[in-house]
Amino acid sequence: MEQKNEILELSFDFALAIIQFSELLDSDKKYVISRQLLKSGTSIGANIREAQNAHSRNDFIAKCVIAMKEADETEYWLMLCERSTNYPNPENLLLKITSIKKLLSRIISSSIKNRKNEK
């Protein structure tokens, strides 16, 4: 039986939601923010997935840190949408990105701690 990987599932579901939100922005002719969100929002899961095949703990941590940076950027674009007039409200996506960032932070912290314990 395959073990559930919460961060993989969360980031994949988030990427699907970002695609839908980007399509909504495109339909409103909000192309610049839409493209930025699409790139950063789908990159989170891609980097997390890549981390699953890391060659070392350091490689794993580095890929997770990249995913965290993409999550920060995505949160920025979502906050711009939230506070701008004539943009759809991304409240649900902001809640999801907060959960992803918290989980990623725990993963990175525990991986760094485990790396130090190995030495």
PDB file of N, CA and C in Angstrom:
ATOM      1  N   MET A   1       0.833  -1.177   0.000  1.00  0.00           N
ATOM      2  CA  MET A   1       0.000   0.000   0.000  1.00  0.00           C
ATOM      3  C   MET A   1       0.884   1.250   0.000  1.00  0.00           C
ATOM      4  N   GLU A   2       0.557   2.197  -0.873  1.00  0.00           N
ATOM      5  CA  GLU A   2       1.357   3.413  -1.005  1.00  0.00           C
ATOM      6  C   GLU A   2       1.045   4.376   0.132  1.00  0.00           C
ATOM      7  N   GLN A   3       2.103   4.941   0.706  1.00  0.00           N
ATOM      8  CA  GLN A   3       1.954   5.868   1.822  1.00  0.00           C
ATOM      9  C   GLN A   3       1.530   7.242   1.315  1.00  0.00           C
ATOM     10  N   LYS A   4       0.623   7.876   2.030  1.00  0.00           N
ATOM     11  CA  LYS A   4       0.139   9.204   1.667  1.00  0.00           C
ATOM     12  C   LYS A   4       1.232  10.242   1.926  1.00  0.00           C
ATOM     13  N   ASN A   5       1.438  11.122   0.968  1.00  0.00           N
ATOM     14  CA  ASN A   5       2.401  12.205   1.113  1.00  0.00           C
ATOM     15  C   ASN A   5       1.619  13.516   1.074  1.00  0.00           C
ATOM     16  N   GLU A   6       1.373  14.068   2.259  1.00  0.00           N
ATOM     17  CA  GLU A   6       0.491  15.232   2.390  1.00  0.00           C
ATOM     18  C   GLU A   6       0.957  16.437   1.580  1.00  0.00           C
ATOM     19  N   ILE A   7       2.237  16.756   1.605  1.00  0.00           N
ATOM     20  CA  ILE A   7       2.725  17.937   0.898  1.00  0.00           C
ATOM     21  C   ILE A   7       2.603  17.772  -0.621  1.00  0.00           C
ATOM     22  N   LEU A   8       2.815  16.550  -1.102  1.00  0.00           N
ATOM     23  CA  LEU A   8       2.627  16.306  -2.540  1.00  0.00           C
ATOM     24  C   LEU A   8       1.173  16.519  -2.938  1.00  0.00           C
ATOM     25  N   GLU A   9       0.270  15.980  -2.136  1.00  0.00           N
ATOM     26  CA  GLU A   9      -1.155  16.107  -2.436  1.00  0.00           C
ATOM     27  C   GLU A   9      -1.628  17.557  -2.342  1.00  0.00           C
ATOM     28  N   LEU A  10      -1.224  18.240  -1.276  1.00  0.00           N
ATOM     29  CA  LEU A  10      -1.620  19.643  -1.107  1.00  0.00           C
ATOM     30  C   LEU A  10      -1.118  20.521  -2.247  1.00  0.00           C
ATOM     31  N   SER A  11       0.140  20.332  -2.613  1.00  0.00           N
ATOM     32  CA  SER A  11       0.724  21.182  -3.658  1.00  0.00           C
ATOM     33  C   SER A  11       0.131  20.872  -5.032  1.00  0.00           C
ATOM     34  N   PHE A  12      -0.214  19.607  -5.278  1.00  0.00           N
ATOM     35  CA  PHE A  12      -0.838  19.242  -6.560  1.00  0.00           C
ATOM     36  C   PHE A  12      -2.245  19.833  -6.654  1.00  0.00           C
ATOM     37  N   ASP A  13      -3.019  19.677  -5.582  1.00  0.00           N
ATOM     38  CA  ASP A  13      -4.375  20.246  -5.562  1.00  0.00           C
ATOM     39  C   ASP A  13      -4.324  21.770  -5.670  1.00  0.00           C
ATOM     40  N   PHE A  14      -3.328  22.371  -5.035  1.00  0.00           N
ATOM     41  CA  PHE A  14      -3.166  23.818  -5.112  1.00  0.00           C
ATOM     42  C   PHE A  14      -2.852  24.246  -6.554  1.00  0.00           C
ATOM     43  N   ALA A  15      -1.992  23.500  -7.214  1.00  0.00           N
ATOM     44  CA  ALA A  15      -1.650  23.819  -8.613  1.00  0.00           C
ATOM     45  C   ALA A  15      -2.899  23.778  -9.498  1.00  0.00           C
ATOM     46  N   LEU A  16      -3.755  22.789  -9.280  1.00  0.00           N
ATOM     47  CA  LEU A  16      -5.004  22.710 -10.052  1.00  0.00           C
ATOM     48  C   LEU A  16      -5.889  23.928  -9.779  1.00  0.00           C
ATOM     49  N   ALA A  17      -5.957  24.342  -8.519  1.00  0.00           N
ATOM     50  CA  ALA A  17      -6.758  25.523  -8.160  1.00  0.00           C
ATOM     51  C   ALA A  17      -6.161  26.793  -8.761  1.00  0.00           C
ATOM     52  N   ILE A  18      -4.839  26.865  -8.807  1.00  0.00           N
ATOM     53  CA  ILE A  18      -4.162  28.024  -9.411  1.00  0.00           C
ATOM     54  C   ILE A  18      -4.450  28.080 -10.910  1.00  0.00           C
ATOM     55  N   ILE A  19      -4.463  26.943 -11.558  1.00  0.00           N
ATOM     56  CA  ILE A  19      -4.799  26.914 -12.990  1.00  0.00           C
ATOM     57  C   ILE A  19      -6.192  27.492 -13.209  1.00  0.00           C
ATOM     58  N   GLN A  20      -7.142  27.068 -12.393  1.00  0.00           N
ATOM     59  CA  GLN A  20      -8.513  27.584 -12.524  1.00  0.00           C
ATOM     60  C   GLN A  20      -8.573  29.089 -12.261  1.00  0.00           C
ATOM     61  N   PHE A  21      -7.893  29.543 -11.220  1.00  0.00           N
ATOM     62  CA  PHE A  21      -7.896  30.963 -10.902  1.00  0.00           C
ATOM     63  C   PHE A  21      -7.227  31.768 -12.014  1.00  0.00           C
ATOM     64  N   SER A  22      -6.144  31.249 -12.576  1.00  0.00           N
ATOM     65  CA  SER A  22      -5.455  31.927 -13.681  1.00  0.00           C
ATOM     66  C   SER A  22      -6.358  32.028 -14.908  1.00  0.00           C
ATOM     67  N   GLU A  23      -7.129  30.984 -15.158  1.00  0.00           N
ATOM     68  CA  GLU A  23      -8.077  31.028 -16.278  1.00  0.00           C
ATOM     69  C   GLU A  23      -9.148  32.087 -16.040  1.00  0.00           C
ATOM     70  N   LEU A  24      -9.582  32.222 -14.786  1.00  0.00           N
ATOM     71  CA  LEU A  24     -10.542  33.262 -14.433  1.00  0.00           C
ATOM     72  C   LEU A  24      -9.935  34.642 -14.665  1.00  0.00           C
ATOM     73  N   LEU A  25      -8.685  34.831 -14.247  1.00  0.00           N
ATOM     74  CA  LEU A  25      -8.000  36.104 -14.482  1.00  0.00           C
ATOM     75  C   LEU A  25      -7.857  36.380 -15.979  1.00  0.00           C
ATOM     76  N   ASP A  26      -7.514  35.352 -16.743  1.00  0.00           N
ATOM     77  CA  ASP A  26      -7.397  35.514 -18.205  1.00  0.00           C
ATOM     78  C   ASP A  26      -8.723  35.973 -18.812  1.00  0.00           C
ATOM     79  N   SER A  27      -9.813  35.384 -18.335  1.00  0.00           N
ATOM     80  CA  SER A  27     -11.122  35.760 -18.880  1.00  0.00           C
ATOM     81  C   SER A  27     -11.463  37.211 -18.554  1.00  0.00           C
ATOM     82  N   ASP A  28     -10.853  37.751 -17.484  1.00  0.00           N
ATOM     83  CA  ASP A  28     -11.022  39.162 -17.119  1.00  0.00           C
ATOM     84  C   ASP A  28      -9.918  40.048 -17.708  1.00  0.00           C
ATOM     85  N   LYS A  29      -9.097  39.456 -18.572  1.00  0.00           N
ATOM     86  CA  LYS A  29      -7.992  40.161 -19.228  1.00  0.00           C
ATOM     87  C   LYS A  29      -6.938  40.665 -18.238  1.00  0.00           C
ATOM     88  N   LYS A  30      -6.729  39.919 -17.173  1.00  0.00           N
ATOM     89  CA  LYS A  30      -5.699  40.230 -16.176  1.00  0.00           C
ATOM     90  C   LYS A  30      -4.492  39.329 -16.448  1.00  0.00           C
ATOM     91  N   TYR A  31      -3.917  39.477 -17.633  1.00  0.00           N
ATOM     92  CA  TYR A  31      -2.930  38.527 -18.146  1.00  0.00           C
ATOM     93  C   TYR A  31      -1.616  38.508 -17.371  1.00  0.00           C
ATOM     94  N   VAL A  32      -1.108  39.659 -16.966  1.00  0.00           N
ATOM     95  CA  VAL A  32       0.213  39.714 -16.321  1.00  0.00           C
ATOM     96  C   VAL A  32       0.195  38.950 -14.995  1.00  0.00           C
ATOM     97  N   ILE A  33      -0.768  39.266 -14.134  1.00  0.00           N
ATOM     98  CA  ILE A  33      -0.866  38.584 -12.839  1.00  0.00           C
ATOM     99  C   ILE A  33      -1.187  37.102 -13.061  1.00  0.00           C
ATOM    100  N   SER A  34      -2.033  36.824 -14.019  1.00  0.00           N
ATOM    101  CA  SER A  34      -2.402  35.441 -14.316  1.00  0.00           C
ATOM    102  C   SER A  34      -1.181  34.589 -14.647  1.00  0.00           C
ATOM    103  N   ARG A  35      -0.333  35.099 -15.507  1.00  0.00           N
ATOM    104  CA  ARG A  35       0.863  34.337 -15.905  1.00  0.00           C
ATOM    105  C   ARG A  35       1.841  34.176 -14.739  1.00  0.00           C
ATOM    106  N   GLN A  36       2.015  35.227 -13.967  1.00  0.00           N
ATOM    107  CA  GLN A  36       2.918  35.153 -12.810  1.00  0.00           C
ATOM    108  C   GLN A  36       2.418  34.107 -11.811  1.00  0.00           C
ATOM    109  N   LEU A  37       1.118  34.144 -11.536  1.00  0.00           N
ATOM    110  CA  LEU A  37       0.527  33.181 -10.604  1.00  0.00           C
ATOM    111  C   LEU A  37       0.632  31.759 -11.136  1.00  0.00           C
ATOM    112  N   LEU A  38       0.377  31.601 -12.408  1.00  0.00           N
ATOM    113  CA  LEU A  38       0.429  30.267 -13.016  1.00  0.00           C
ATOM    114  C   LEU A  38       1.836  29.683 -12.896  1.00  0.00           C
ATOM    115  N   LYS A  39       2.840  30.504 -13.161  1.00  0.00           N
ATOM    116  CA  LYS A  39       4.227  30.031 -13.078  1.00  0.00           C
ATOM    117  C   LYS A  39       4.628  29.679 -11.652  1.00  0.00           C
ATOM    118  N   SER A  40       4.457  30.619 -10.734  1.00  0.00           N
ATOM    119  CA  SER A  40       4.913  30.375  -9.360  1.00  0.00           C
ATOM    120  C   SER A  40       4.031  29.362  -8.641  1.00  0.00           C
ATOM    121  N   GLY A  41       2.734  29.421  -8.869  1.00  0.00           N
ATOM    122  CA  GLY A  41       1.806  28.532  -8.166  1.00  0.00           C
ATOM    123  C   GLY A  41       1.920  27.071  -8.549  1.00  0.00           C
ATOM    124  N   THR A  42       2.272  26.804  -9.802  1.00  0.00           N
ATOM    125  CA  THR A  42       2.447  25.406 -10.228  1.00  0.00           C
ATOM    126  C   THR A  42       3.872  24.925  -9.971  1.00  0.00           C
ATOM    127  N   SER A  43       4.800  25.862  -9.840  1.00  0.00           N
ATOM    128  CA  SER A  43       6.196  25.504  -9.582  1.00  0.00           C
ATOM    129  C   SER A  43       6.403  24.922  -8.185  1.00  0.00           C
ATOM    130  N   ILE A  44       5.554  25.304  -7.245  1.00  0.00           N
ATOM    131  CA  ILE A  44       5.676  24.799  -5.873  1.00  0.00           C
ATOM    132  C   ILE A  44       5.650  23.276  -5.880  1.00  0.00           C
ATOM    133  N   GLY A  45       4.601  22.720  -6.433  1.00  0.00           N
ATOM    134  CA  GLY A  45       4.445  21.267  -6.477  1.00  0.00           C
ATOM    135  C   GLY A  45       5.502  20.587  -7.318  1.00  0.00           C
ATOM    136  N   ALA A  46       5.914  21.235  -8.404  1.00  0.00           N
ATOM    137  CA  ALA A  46       6.947  20.641  -9.258  1.00  0.00           C
ATOM    138  C   ALA A  46       8.258  20.497  -8.490  1.00  0.00           C
ATOM    139  N   ASN A  47       8.600  21.502  -7.699  1.00  0.00           N
ATOM    140  CA  ASN A  47       9.834  21.431  -6.908  1.00  0.00           C
ATOM    141  C   ASN A  47       9.726  20.426  -5.771  1.00  0.00           C
ATOM    142  N   ILE A  48       8.564  20.348  -5.159  1.00  0.00           N
ATOM    143  CA  ILE A  48       8.356  19.356  -4.098  1.00  0.00           C
ATOM    144  C   ILE A  48       8.453  17.952  -4.677  1.00  0.00           C
ATOM    145  N   ARG A  49       7.873  17.772  -5.841  1.00  0.00           N
ATOM    146  CA  ARG A  49       7.941  16.456  -6.495  1.00  0.00           C
ATOM    147  C   ARG A  49       9.382  16.108  -6.846  1.00  0.00           C
ATOM    148  N   GLU A  50      10.116  17.080  -7.349  1.00  0.00           N
ATOM    149  CA  GLU A  50      11.521  16.871  -7.682  1.00  0.00           C
ATOM    150  C   GLU A  50      12.333  16.515  -6.433  1.00  0.00           C
ATOM    151  N   ALA A  51      11.972  17.119  -5.306  1.00  0.00           N
ATOM    152  CA  ALA A  51      12.672  16.844  -4.048  1.00  0.00           C
ATOM    153  C   ALA A  51      12.533  15.378  -3.631  1.00  0.00           C
ATOM    154  N   GLN A  52      11.463  14.729  -4.049  1.00  0.00           N
ATOM    155  CA  GLN A  52      11.242  13.328  -3.681  1.00  0.00           C
ATOM    156  C   GLN A  52      12.317  12.412  -4.270  1.00  0.00           C
ATOM    157  N   ASN A  53      12.986  12.872  -5.309  1.00  0.00           N
ATOM    158  CA  ASN A  53      14.045  12.085  -5.951  1.00  0.00           C
ATOM    159  C   ASN A  53      15.422  12.714  -5.740  1.00  0.00           C
ATOM    160  N   ALA A  54      15.557  13.446  -4.655  1.00  0.00           N
ATOM    161  CA  ALA A  54      16.825  14.115  -4.374  1.00  0.00           C
ATOM    162  C   ALA A  54      17.942  13.102  -4.157  1.00  0.00           C
ATOM    163  N   HIS A  55      19.153  13.501  -4.511  1.00  0.00           N
ATOM    164  CA  HIS A  55      20.330  12.621  -4.391  1.00  0.00           C
ATOM    165  C   HIS A  55      20.904  12.599  -2.982  1.00  0.00           C
ATOM    166  N   SER A  56      20.541  13.599  -2.180  1.00  0.00           N
ATOM    167  CA  SER A  56      21.063  13.690  -0.818  1.00  0.00           C
ATOM    168  C   SER A  56      20.091  14.512   0.020  1.00  0.00           C
ATOM    169  N   ARG A  57      20.308  14.524   1.319  1.00  0.00           N
ATOM    170  CA  ARG A  57      19.470  15.345   2.198  1.00  0.00           C
ATOM    171  C   ARG A  57      19.651  16.831   1.844  1.00  0.00           C
ATOM    172  N   ASN A  58      20.882  17.242   1.531  1.00  0.00           N
ATOM    173  CA  ASN A  58      21.119  18.641   1.148  1.00  0.00           C
ATOM    174  C   ASN A  58      20.356  19.009  -0.121  1.00  0.00           C
ATOM    175  N   ASP A  59      20.332  18.097  -1.082  1.00  0.00           N
ATOM    176  CA  ASP A  59      19.596  18.313  -2.326  1.00  0.00           C
ATOM    177  C   ASP A  59      18.093  18.424  -2.038  1.00  0.00           C
ATOM    178  N   PHE A  60      17.602  17.554  -1.160  1.00  0.00           N
ATOM    179  CA  PHE A  60      16.194  17.584  -0.759  1.00  0.00           C
ATOM    180  C   PHE A  60      15.846  18.930  -0.133  1.00  0.00           C
ATOM    181  N   ILE A  61      16.680  19.381   0.794  1.00  0.00           N
ATOM    182  CA  ILE A  61      16.444  20.655   1.474  1.00  0.00           C
ATOM    183  C   ILE A  61      16.467  21.805   0.470  1.00  0.00           C
ATOM    184  N   ALA A  62      17.419  21.790  -0.425  1.00  0.00           N
ATOM    185  CA  ALA A  62      17.539  22.863  -1.419  1.00  0.00           C
ATOM    186  C   ALA A  62      16.285  22.958  -2.295  1.00  0.00           C
ATOM    187  N   LYS A  63      15.759  21.831  -2.716  1.00  0.00           N
ATOM    188  CA  LYS A  63      14.555  21.832  -3.550  1.00  0.00           C
ATOM    189  C   LYS A  63      13.332  22.287  -2.760  1.00  0.00           C
ATOM    190  N   CYS A  64      13.270  21.910  -1.492  1.00  0.00           N
ATOM    191  CA  CYS A  64      12.169  22.371  -0.635  1.00  0.00           C
ATOM    192  C   CYS A  64      12.253  23.875  -0.388  1.00  0.00           C
ATOM    193  N   VAL A  65      13.468  24.393  -0.260  1.00  0.00           N
ATOM    194  CA  VAL A  65      13.650  25.837  -0.080  1.00  0.00           C
ATOM    195  C   VAL A  65      13.196  26.576  -1.341  1.00  0.00           C
ATOM    196  N   ILE A  66      13.491  26.031  -2.504  1.00  0.00           N
ATOM    197  CA  ILE A  66      13.027  26.638  -3.757  1.00  0.00           C
ATOM    198  C   ILE A  66      11.491  26.636  -3.788  1.00  0.00           C
ATOM    199  N   ALA A  67      10.891  25.525  -3.379  1.00  0.00           N
ATOM    200  CA  ALA A  67       9.428  25.449  -3.322  1.00  0.00           C
ATOM    201  C   ALA A  67       8.869  26.513  -2.376  1.00  0.00           C
ATOM    202  N   MET A  68       9.546  26.741  -1.251  1.00  0.00           N
ATOM    203  CA  MET A  68       9.108  27.765  -0.295  1.00  0.00           C
ATOM    204  C   MET A  68       9.199  29.156  -0.909  1.00  0.00           C
ATOM    205  N   LYS A  69      10.266  29.414  -1.664  1.00  0.00           N
ATOM    206  CA  LYS A  69      10.401  30.712  -2.331  1.00  0.00           C
ATOM    207  C   LYS A  69       9.271  30.922  -3.336  1.00  0.00           C
ATOM    208  N   GLU A  70       8.937  29.866  -4.070  1.00  0.00           N
ATOM    209  CA  GLU A  70       7.831  29.951  -5.029  1.00  0.00           C
ATOM    210  C   GLU A  70       6.503  30.177  -4.300  1.00  0.00           C
ATOM    211  N   ALA A  71       6.354  29.555  -3.137  1.00  0.00           N
ATOM    212  CA  ALA A  71       5.135  29.745  -2.333  1.00  0.00           C
ATOM    213  C   ALA A  71       5.038  31.189  -1.849  1.00  0.00           C
ATOM    214  N   ASP A  72       6.164  31.764  -1.435  1.00  0.00           N
ATOM    215  CA  ASP A  72       6.180  33.175  -1.014  1.00  0.00           C
ATOM    216  C   ASP A  72       5.785  34.087  -2.169  1.00  0.00           C
ATOM    217  N   GLU A  73       6.338  33.815  -3.343  1.00  0.00           N
ATOM    218  CA  GLU A  73       5.999  34.632  -4.513  1.00  0.00           C
ATOM    219  C   GLU A  73       4.518  34.495  -4.857  1.00  0.00           C
ATOM    220  N   THR A  74       4.018  33.274  -4.811  1.00  0.00           N
ATOM    221  CA  THR A  74       2.612  33.039  -5.109  1.00  0.00           C
ATOM    222  C   THR A  74       1.714  33.783  -4.132  1.00  0.00           C
ATOM    223  N   GLU A  75       2.085  33.738  -2.856  1.00  0.00           N
ATOM    224  CA  GLU A  75       1.314  34.455  -1.843  1.00  0.00           C
ATOM    225  C   GLU A  75       1.295  35.955  -2.155  1.00  0.00           C
ATOM    226  N   TYR A  76       2.405  36.492  -2.609  1.00  0.00           N
ATOM    227  CA  TYR A  76       2.496  37.901  -2.974  1.00  0.00           C
ATOM    228  C   TYR A  76       1.485  38.251  -4.071  1.00  0.00           C
ATOM    229  N   TRP A  77       1.463  37.449  -5.141  1.00  0.00           N
ATOM    230  CA  TRP A  77       0.545  37.718  -6.247  1.00  0.00           C
ATOM    231  C   TRP A  77      -0.902  37.590  -5.793  1.00  0.00           C
ATOM    232  N   LEU A  78      -1.178  36.614  -4.938  1.00  0.00           N
ATOM    233  CA  LEU A  78      -2.541  36.440  -4.428  1.00  0.00           C
ATOM    234  C   LEU A  78      -2.959  37.622  -3.556  1.00  0.00           C
ATOM    235  N   MET A  79      -2.026  38.130  -2.758  1.00  0.00           N
ATOM    236  CA  MET A  79      -2.330  39.291  -1.912  1.00  0.00           C
ATOM    237  C   MET A  79      -2.595  40.532  -2.773  1.00  0.00           C
ATOM    238  N   LEU A  80      -1.874  40.659  -3.877  1.00  0.00           N
ATOM    239  CA  LEU A  80      -2.155  41.768  -4.796  1.00  0.00           C
ATOM    240  C   LEU A  80      -3.577  41.668  -5.342  1.00  0.00           C
ATOM    241  N   CYS A  81      -3.972  40.464  -5.714  1.00  0.00           N
ATOM    242  CA  CYS A  81      -5.341  40.257  -6.213  1.00  0.00           C
ATOM    243  C   CYS A  81      -6.357  40.598  -5.126  1.00  0.00           C
ATOM    244  N   GLU A  82      -6.072  40.147  -3.920  1.00  0.00           N
ATOM    245  CA  GLU A  82      -6.993  40.373  -2.800  1.00  0.00           C
ATOM    246  C   GLU A  82      -7.213  41.860  -2.539  1.00  0.00           C
ATOM    247  N   ARG A  83      -6.165  42.638  -2.670  1.00  0.00           N
ATOM    248  CA  ARG A  83      -6.242  44.057  -2.306  1.00  0.00           C
ATOM    249  C   ARG A  83      -6.497  44.991  -3.491  1.00  0.00           C
ATOM    250  N   SER A  84      -6.534  44.432  -4.689  1.00  0.00           N
ATOM    251  CA  SER A  84      -6.778  45.256  -5.869  1.00  0.00           C
ATOM    252  C   SER A  84      -8.262  45.256  -6.212  1.00  0.00           C
ATOM    253  N   THR A  85      -8.708  46.421  -6.666  1.00  0.00           N
ATOM    254  CA  THR A  85     -10.099  46.480  -7.117  1.00  0.00           C
ATOM    255  C   THR A  85     -10.195  45.786  -8.475  1.00  0.00           C
ATOM    256  N   ASN A  86     -11.333  45.282  -8.783  1.00  0.00           N
ATOM    257  CA  ASN A  86     -11.614  44.609 -10.055  1.00  0.00           C
ATOM    258  C   ASN A  86     -10.877  43.285 -10.242  1.00  0.00           C
ATOM    259  N   TYR A  87     -10.435  42.686  -9.146  1.00  0.00           N
ATOM    260  CA  TYR A  87      -9.824  41.352  -9.200  1.00  0.00           C
ATOM    261  C   TYR A  87     -10.674  40.410  -8.363  1.00  0.00           C
ATOM    262  N   PRO A  88     -10.771  39.151  -8.795  1.00  0.00           N
ATOM    263  CA  PRO A  88     -11.518  38.182  -7.982  1.00  0.00           C
ATOM    264  C   PRO A  88     -10.796  37.922  -6.655  1.00  0.00           C
ATOM    265  N   ASN A  89     -11.570  37.592  -5.642  1.00  0.00           N
ATOM    266  CA  ASN A  89     -11.013  37.353  -4.309  1.00  0.00           C
ATOM    267  C   ASN A  89     -10.397  35.952  -4.222  1.00  0.00           C
ATOM    268  N   PRO A  90      -9.114  35.884  -3.902  1.00  0.00           N
ATOM    269  CA  PRO A  90      -8.433  34.584  -3.809  1.00  0.00           C
ATOM    270  C   PRO A  90      -8.380  34.030  -2.382  1.00  0.00           C
ATOM    271  N   GLU A  91      -9.377  34.375  -1.554  1.00  0.00           N
ATOM    272  CA  GLU A  91      -9.343  34.022  -0.130  1.00  0.00           C
ATOM    273  C   GLU A  91      -9.047  32.539   0.096  1.00  0.00           C
ATOM    274  N   ASN A  92      -9.723  31.666  -0.633  1.00  0.00           N
ATOM    275  CA  ASN A  92      -9.517  30.228  -0.489  1.00  0.00           C
ATOM    276  C   ASN A  92      -8.082  29.824  -0.839  1.00  0.00           C
ATOM    277  N   LEU A  93      -7.526  30.437  -1.874  1.00  0.00           N
ATOM    278  CA  LEU A  93      -6.153  30.137  -2.269  1.00  0.00           C
ATOM    279  C   LEU A  93      -5.153  30.649  -1.233  1.00  0.00           C
ATOM    280  N   LEU A  94      -5.450  31.779  -0.621  1.00  0.00           N
ATOM    281  CA  LEU A  94      -4.564  32.307   0.428  1.00  0.00           C
ATOM    282  C   LEU A  94      -4.537  31.375   1.640  1.00  0.00           C
ATOM    283  N   LEU A  95      -5.678  30.796   1.973  1.00  0.00           N
ATOM    284  CA  LEU A  95      -5.722  29.816   3.070  1.00  0.00           C
ATOM    285  C   LEU A  95      -4.887  28.585   2.724  1.00  0.00           C
ATOM    286  N   LYS A  96      -5.003  28.130   1.480  1.00  0.00           N
ATOM    287  CA  LYS A  96      -4.257  26.944   1.053  1.00  0.00           C
ATOM    288  C   LYS A  96      -2.753  27.196   1.030  1.00  0.00           C
ATOM    289  N   ILE A  97      -2.344  28.362   0.536  1.00  0.00           N
ATOM    290  CA  ILE A  97      -0.905  28.631   0.456  1.00  0.00           C
ATOM    291  C   ILE A  97      -0.313  28.773   1.856  1.00  0.00           C
ATOM    292  N   THR A  98      -1.090  29.276   2.792  1.00  0.00           N
ATOM    293  CA  THR A  98      -0.627  29.360   4.175  1.00  0.00           C
ATOM    294  C   THR A  98      -0.374  27.960   4.736  1.00  0.00           C
ATOM    295  N   SER A  99      -1.278  27.037   4.475  1.00  0.00           N
ATOM    296  CA  SER A  99      -1.104  25.645   4.930  1.00  0.00           C
ATOM    297  C   SER A  99       0.123  25.000   4.297  1.00  0.00           C
ATOM    298  N   ILE A 100       0.305  25.232   3.015  1.00  0.00           N
ATOM    299  CA  ILE A 100       1.466  24.666   2.311  1.00  0.00           C
ATOM    300  C   ILE A 100       2.757  25.229   2.887  1.00  0.00           C
ATOM    301  N   LYS A 101       2.793  26.539   3.123  1.00  0.00           N
ATOM    302  CA  LYS A 101       4.006  27.160   3.668  1.00  0.00           C
ATOM    303  C   LYS A 101       4.325  26.639   5.065  1.00  0.00           C
ATOM    304  N   LYS A 102       3.317  26.459   5.894  1.00  0.00           N
ATOM    305  CA  LYS A 102       3.544  25.924   7.244  1.00  0.00           C
ATOM    306  C   LYS A 102       4.112  24.513   7.183  1.00  0.00           C
ATOM    307  N   LEU A 103       3.535  23.685   6.330  1.00  0.00           N
ATOM    308  CA  LEU A 103       4.008  22.304   6.205  1.00  0.00           C
ATOM    309  C   LEU A 103       5.415  22.262   5.623  1.00  0.00           C
ATOM    310  N   LEU A 104       5.671  23.058   4.601  1.00  0.00           N
ATOM    311  CA  LEU A 104       7.013  23.126   4.020  1.00  0.00           C
ATOM    312  C   LEU A 104       8.036  23.589   5.054  1.00  0.00           C
ATOM    313  N   SER A 105       7.662  24.555   5.859  1.00  0.00           N
ATOM    314  CA  SER A 105       8.557  25.048   6.900  1.00  0.00           C
ATOM    315  C   SER A 105       8.919  23.938   7.884  1.00  0.00           C
ATOM    316  N   ARG A 106       7.935  23.155   8.283  1.00  0.00           N
ATOM    317  CA  ARG A 106       8.204  22.030   9.193  1.00  0.00           C
ATOM    318  C   ARG A 106       9.101  20.984   8.538  1.00  0.00           C
ATOM    319  N   ILE A 107       8.860  20.714   7.266  1.00  0.00           N
ATOM    320  CA  ILE A 107       9.676  19.730   6.537  1.00  0.00           C
ATOM    321  C   ILE A 107      11.125  20.203   6.450  1.00  0.00           C
ATOM    322  N   ILE A 108      11.315  21.464   6.090  1.00  0.00           N
ATOM    323  CA  ILE A 108      12.668  22.011   5.970  1.00  0.00           C
ATOM    324  C   ILE A 108      13.367  22.003   7.322  1.00  0.00           C
ATOM    325  N   SER A 109      12.679  22.465   8.358  1.00  0.00           N
ATOM    326  CA  SER A 109      13.279  22.513   9.704  1.00  0.00           C
ATOM    327  C   SER A 109      13.675  21.129  10.193  1.00  0.00           C
ATOM    328  N   SER A 110      12.793  20.158  10.038  1.00  0.00           N
ATOM    329  CA  SER A 110      13.116  18.803  10.512  1.00  0.00           C
ATOM    330  C   SER A 110      14.224  18.174   9.678  1.00  0.00           C
ATOM    331  N   SER A 111      14.270  18.480   8.396  1.00  0.00           N
ATOM    332  CA  SER A 111      15.342  17.943   7.545  1.00  0.00           C
ATOM    333  C   SER A 111      16.693  18.525   7.933  1.00  0.00           C
ATOM    334  N   ILE A 112      16.725  19.814   8.245  1.00  0.00           N
ATOM    335  CA  ILE A 112      17.969  20.453   8.680  1.00  0.00           C
ATOM    336  C   ILE A 112      18.390  19.876  10.027  1.00  0.00           C
ATOM    337  N   LYS A 113      17.445  19.692  10.916  1.00  0.00           N
ATOM    338  CA  LYS A 113      17.735  19.124  12.234  1.00  0.00           C
ATOM    339  C   LYS A 113      18.290  17.694  12.099  1.00  0.00           C
ATOM    340  N   ASN A 114      17.662  16.890  11.254  1.00  0.00           N
ATOM    341  CA  ASN A 114      18.119  15.525  11.021  1.00  0.00           C
ATOM    342  C   ASN A 114      19.505  15.488  10.384  1.00  0.00           C
ATOM    343  N   ARG A 115      19.766  16.448   9.498  1.00  0.00           N
ATOM    344  CA  ARG A 115      21.086  16.534   8.856  1.00  0.00           C
ATOM    345  C   ARG A 115      22.160  16.804   9.910  1.00  0.00           C
ATOM    346  N   LYS A 116      21.862  17.693  10.846  1.00  0.00           N
ATOM    347  CA  LYS A 116      22.819  18.005  11.915  1.00  0.00           C
ATOM    348  C   LYS A 116      23.036  16.810  12.823  1.00  0.00           C
ATOM    349  N   ASN A 117      21.984  16.041  13.071  1.00  0.00           N
ATOM    350  CA  ASN A 117      22.109  14.845  13.947  1.00  0.00           C
ATOM    351  C   ASN A 117      22.917  13.732  13.294  1.00  0.00           C
ATOM    352  N   GLU A 118      23.003  13.733  11.963  1.00  0.00           N
ATOM    353  CA  GLU A 118      23.754  12.701  11.240  1.00  0.00           C
ATOM    354  C   GLU A 118      25.248  12.932  11.349  1.00  0.00           C
ATOM    355  N   LYS A 119      25.648  14.168  11.613  1.00  0.00           N
ATOM    356  CA  LYS A 119      27.072  14.511  11.598  1.00  0.00           C
ATOM    357  C   LYS A 119      27.752  14.124  12.869  1.00  0.00           C
TER     358      LYS A 119
END
